Protein backbone atom coordinates (compact mmCIF):
# COMPACT_ATOMS: atom_id res chain seq x y z
CA UNK A 1 -42.58 77.86 -98.09
CA UNK A 2 -39.47 77.99 -95.94
CA UNK A 3 -41.24 80.01 -93.22
CA UNK A 4 -44.08 77.40 -93.07
CA UNK A 5 -41.63 74.53 -92.96
CA UNK A 6 -39.79 76.16 -90.00
CA UNK A 7 -43.04 76.55 -88.10
CA UNK A 8 -43.96 72.95 -88.88
CA UNK A 9 -40.60 71.73 -87.56
CA UNK A 10 -41.00 73.87 -84.41
CA UNK A 11 -44.41 72.33 -83.83
CA UNK A 12 -42.96 68.84 -84.11
CA UNK A 13 -40.21 69.72 -81.61
CA UNK A 14 -42.75 71.01 -79.12
CA UNK A 15 -44.71 67.76 -79.38
CA UNK A 16 -41.58 65.68 -78.86
CA UNK A 17 -40.60 67.72 -75.77
CA UNK A 18 -44.10 67.43 -74.36
CA UNK A 19 -44.07 63.65 -74.88
CA UNK A 20 -40.63 63.38 -73.20
CA UNK A 21 -41.73 65.58 -70.29
CA UNK A 22 -44.93 63.67 -69.66
CA UNK A 23 -43.10 60.38 -70.14
CA UNK A 24 -40.69 61.35 -67.34
CA UNK A 25 -43.57 62.49 -65.13
CA UNK A 26 -45.49 59.18 -65.55
CA UNK A 27 -42.28 57.13 -64.99
CA UNK A 28 -41.54 58.96 -61.74
CA UNK A 29 -45.15 58.60 -60.64
CA UNK A 30 -45.08 54.80 -61.24
CA UNK A 31 -41.80 54.49 -59.34
CA UNK A 32 -43.26 56.46 -56.40
CA UNK A 33 -46.33 54.35 -56.37
CA UNK A 34 -44.29 51.13 -56.43
CA UNK A 35 -42.16 52.37 -53.50
CA UNK A 36 -45.27 53.24 -51.52
CA UNK A 37 -46.84 49.87 -52.27
CA UNK A 38 -43.70 48.00 -51.24
CA UNK A 39 -43.51 50.14 -48.07
CA UNK A 40 -47.14 49.42 -47.22
CA UNK A 41 -46.74 45.67 -47.83
CA UNK A 42 -43.58 45.35 -45.73
CA UNK A 43 -44.90 47.59 -42.97
CA UNK A 44 -41.64 48.73 -41.30
CA UNK A 45 -41.70 48.47 -37.55
CA UNK A 46 -39.58 50.67 -35.28
CA UNK A 47 -36.82 48.92 -33.32
CA UNK A 48 -37.37 47.89 -29.70
CA UNK A 49 -34.94 48.89 -26.89
CA UNK A 50 -34.39 47.39 -23.40
CA UNK A 51 -32.29 48.91 -20.68
CA UNK A 52 -30.67 45.82 -19.21
CA UNK A 53 -28.65 47.38 -16.39
CA UNK A 54 -27.06 50.52 -15.00
CA UNK A 55 -23.76 50.56 -13.14
CA UNK A 56 -23.27 53.65 -10.99
CA UNK A 57 -19.62 54.64 -10.39
CA UNK A 58 -20.36 58.08 -9.01
CA UNK A 59 -23.46 60.09 -8.08
CA UNK A 60 -22.50 63.06 -5.88
CA UNK A 61 -24.72 66.05 -5.34
CA UNK A 62 -22.92 67.48 -2.37
CA UNK A 63 -21.95 70.84 -3.84
CA UNK A 64 -25.00 73.16 -4.09
CA UNK A 65 -26.50 73.07 -7.53
CA UNK A 66 -23.81 70.89 -9.06
CA UNK A 67 -23.79 67.14 -9.76
CA UNK A 68 -20.99 64.73 -10.61
CA UNK A 69 -22.11 61.40 -11.98
CA UNK A 70 -20.69 58.43 -13.80
CA UNK A 71 -22.81 55.61 -15.27
CA UNK A 72 -22.35 52.59 -17.51
CA UNK A 73 -25.61 51.56 -19.17
CA UNK A 74 -26.26 48.36 -21.07
CA UNK A 75 -28.85 48.64 -23.84
CA UNK A 76 -30.14 46.05 -26.26
CA UNK A 77 -31.82 46.90 -29.56
CA UNK A 78 -33.82 44.49 -31.65
CA UNK A 79 -34.91 44.84 -35.28
CA UNK A 80 -38.39 43.17 -35.45
CA UNK A 81 -38.65 43.36 -39.23
CA UNK A 82 -38.37 40.31 -41.49
CA UNK A 83 -37.32 42.15 -44.66
CA UNK A 84 -36.07 45.51 -43.50
CA UNK A 85 -32.61 46.43 -42.20
CA UNK A 86 -31.83 49.44 -40.09
CA UNK A 87 -28.90 51.81 -40.37
CA UNK A 88 -28.05 53.57 -37.10
CA UNK A 89 -26.20 56.59 -38.47
CA UNK A 90 -25.89 58.48 -35.25
CA UNK A 91 -26.77 57.65 -31.64
CA UNK A 92 -26.13 59.86 -28.64
CA UNK A 93 -26.72 58.57 -25.09
CA UNK A 94 -27.18 60.74 -21.99
CA UNK A 95 -29.05 60.81 -18.69
CA UNK A 96 -31.85 63.17 -17.58
CA UNK A 97 -33.29 63.98 -14.20
CA UNK A 98 -36.63 65.73 -14.15
CA UNK A 99 -36.32 66.81 -17.78
CA UNK A 100 -32.80 68.22 -17.23
CA UNK A 101 -29.71 66.70 -18.81
CA UNK A 102 -27.27 65.80 -16.07
CA UNK A 103 -24.52 64.09 -18.15
CA UNK A 104 -22.64 64.83 -21.30
CA UNK A 105 -23.62 63.04 -24.49
CA UNK A 106 -21.80 59.85 -25.41
CA UNK A 107 -21.77 58.71 -29.08
CA UNK A 108 -22.43 55.13 -30.01
CA UNK A 109 -20.56 54.14 -33.21
CA UNK A 110 -22.72 53.87 -36.40
CA UNK A 111 -23.90 50.35 -37.23
CA UNK A 112 -26.18 48.30 -39.43
CA UNK A 113 -28.79 45.95 -37.95
CA UNK A 114 -30.06 43.16 -40.18
CA UNK A 115 -33.40 41.39 -40.08
CA UNK A 116 -34.39 40.19 -36.62
CA UNK A 117 -30.95 40.99 -35.33
CA UNK A 118 -30.13 42.10 -31.77
CA UNK A 119 -27.33 44.54 -30.84
CA UNK A 120 -25.93 45.29 -27.41
CA UNK A 121 -24.29 48.60 -26.43
CA UNK A 122 -22.62 49.45 -23.12
CA UNK A 123 -21.61 53.09 -23.29
CA UNK A 124 -20.31 55.15 -20.32
CA UNK A 125 -22.16 58.42 -19.68
CA UNK A 126 -20.88 60.93 -17.19
CA UNK A 127 -20.88 64.52 -16.10
CA UNK A 128 -18.42 66.41 -13.90
CA UNK A 129 -19.81 69.34 -11.88
CA UNK A 130 -22.83 69.71 -14.17
CA UNK A 131 -25.02 72.70 -13.10
CA UNK A 132 -28.43 71.64 -11.86
CA UNK A 133 -31.42 74.02 -11.66
CA UNK A 134 -32.00 75.01 -8.00
CA UNK A 135 -35.52 73.50 -7.91
CA UNK A 136 -34.20 70.26 -9.44
CA UNK A 137 -31.26 70.18 -7.02
CA UNK A 138 -33.60 70.49 -4.12
CA UNK A 139 -35.69 67.54 -5.41
CA UNK A 140 -32.52 65.52 -6.10
CA UNK A 141 -31.28 66.06 -2.53
CA UNK A 142 -34.69 64.96 -1.18
CA UNK A 143 -34.74 61.89 -3.44
CA UNK A 144 -31.23 60.87 -2.26
CA UNK A 145 -32.32 61.34 1.39
CA UNK A 146 -35.32 59.08 0.68
CA UNK A 147 -33.04 56.55 -1.00
CA UNK A 148 -34.62 56.50 -4.48
CA UNK A 149 -33.75 58.50 -7.54
CA UNK A 150 -35.52 58.18 -10.90
CA UNK A 151 -33.36 59.03 -13.90
CA UNK A 152 -34.11 58.71 -17.60
CA UNK A 153 -31.54 57.12 -19.93
CA UNK A 154 -32.10 58.72 -23.33
CA UNK A 155 -30.93 58.00 -26.83
CA UNK A 156 -31.27 60.55 -29.66
CA UNK A 157 -30.21 59.65 -33.16
CA UNK A 158 -30.90 59.15 -36.83
CA UNK A 159 -31.84 55.93 -38.55
CA UNK A 160 -32.42 54.78 -42.19
CA UNK A 161 -34.43 51.78 -43.45
CA UNK A 162 -33.02 49.34 -45.98
CA UNK A 163 -35.38 47.35 -48.23
CA UNK A 164 -33.45 45.28 -50.73
CA UNK A 165 -31.21 47.82 -52.48
CA UNK A 166 -33.49 50.75 -51.57
CA UNK A 167 -32.34 52.90 -48.60
CA UNK A 168 -34.68 55.51 -47.17
CA UNK A 169 -33.85 59.00 -45.98
CA UNK A 170 -32.89 59.70 -42.37
CA UNK A 171 -35.42 59.64 -39.59
CA UNK A 172 -35.12 60.92 -36.02
CA UNK A 173 -34.99 58.24 -33.37
CA UNK A 174 -35.95 59.02 -29.73
CA UNK A 175 -35.51 56.38 -27.00
CA UNK A 176 -36.52 56.88 -23.35
CA UNK A 177 -35.61 54.39 -20.62
CA UNK A 178 -36.62 55.00 -16.94
CA UNK A 179 -34.19 53.73 -14.33
CA UNK A 180 -34.72 53.67 -10.54
CA UNK A 181 -31.49 54.02 -8.53
CA UNK A 182 -31.81 53.15 -4.84
CA UNK A 183 -29.34 54.11 -2.17
CA UNK A 184 -28.61 53.15 1.45
CA UNK A 185 -29.79 50.02 3.26
CA UNK A 186 -32.76 49.51 0.93
CA UNK A 187 -30.63 49.49 -2.21
CA UNK A 188 -31.44 46.66 -4.69
CA UNK A 189 -28.11 47.06 -6.41
CA UNK A 190 -25.15 44.67 -6.42
CA UNK A 191 -21.78 45.96 -5.20
CA UNK A 192 -19.19 45.27 -7.91
CA UNK A 193 -16.35 47.34 -6.53
CA UNK A 194 -15.45 50.16 -4.22
CA UNK A 195 -18.33 52.70 -4.35
CA UNK A 196 -19.62 50.97 -7.48
CA UNK A 197 -23.15 49.46 -7.64
CA UNK A 198 -24.79 47.62 -10.50
CA UNK A 199 -28.56 47.62 -10.95
CA UNK A 200 -30.24 44.87 -12.93
CA UNK A 201 -33.31 46.51 -14.50
CA UNK A 202 -34.45 44.84 -17.76
CA UNK A 203 -36.61 47.90 -18.37
CA UNK A 204 -38.40 48.25 -21.69
CA UNK A 205 -37.91 51.66 -23.31
CA UNK A 206 -40.34 53.84 -25.21
CA UNK A 207 -39.31 54.40 -28.82
CA UNK A 208 -40.53 56.96 -31.36
CA UNK A 209 -39.33 57.49 -34.92
C-alpha cells in the first residue's frame, strides 16, 4: 500500500506543477496581449526635429585633405504624443559631408520629454584637422569655390517610451538635418562676430526609430 500511496502523491504533485506552469504561461500571455492592445490604441508617434539655425565659427579646408570646423547648431524636438512620454537616454550630435563625418561627436545630456512638450538644444560640434577622403576634399574645395556647401547635421541616440508606469526598452533614434552653408558675397548668413556667421534655416529633419 505504501508504494501505491507514494505514486498517488507523486501524480498529484505533477498535476499541481502543471497547473502552476500553465497558470504562469496564461498570465504572461494576458499581460503581453494587454500591453500590445494599449500600444496599438495609443499609437506612439516618433518625435519631430527641426534644425533652427547653424552658427559657423570656423570652416577651413586649406590644408590638403584636412578640415577644421566649428559649429553651434540649434535643434528643437517635439513630442507629438498625447499620452506617451519620451526618455532620451543618449544623444550624440555631429556633422557629415558627403557621407563622411567631419566633426567629433558631442553628447547632449539625457532628458525626459513629456506629452506635447518641446525641447531646445544648442550643442557645439567641432573638428580640428579632421582627415577628409581625397575625393571628398576635392568636392569640398569645389563647393567652397562655388560658395555653397551642403552638410548634414546628424543625431544618433537611444530613446524609451513611457506609458503610465510602463517604460519600454531602448530604441535607436536617427535624425538627419540638411544644412546649406553659403560663403562669399552671396552668403545668406548674418555676421554675429569676427569670422562668425549665423544661418537661419528652420529646416525639418528626417527621423527614424
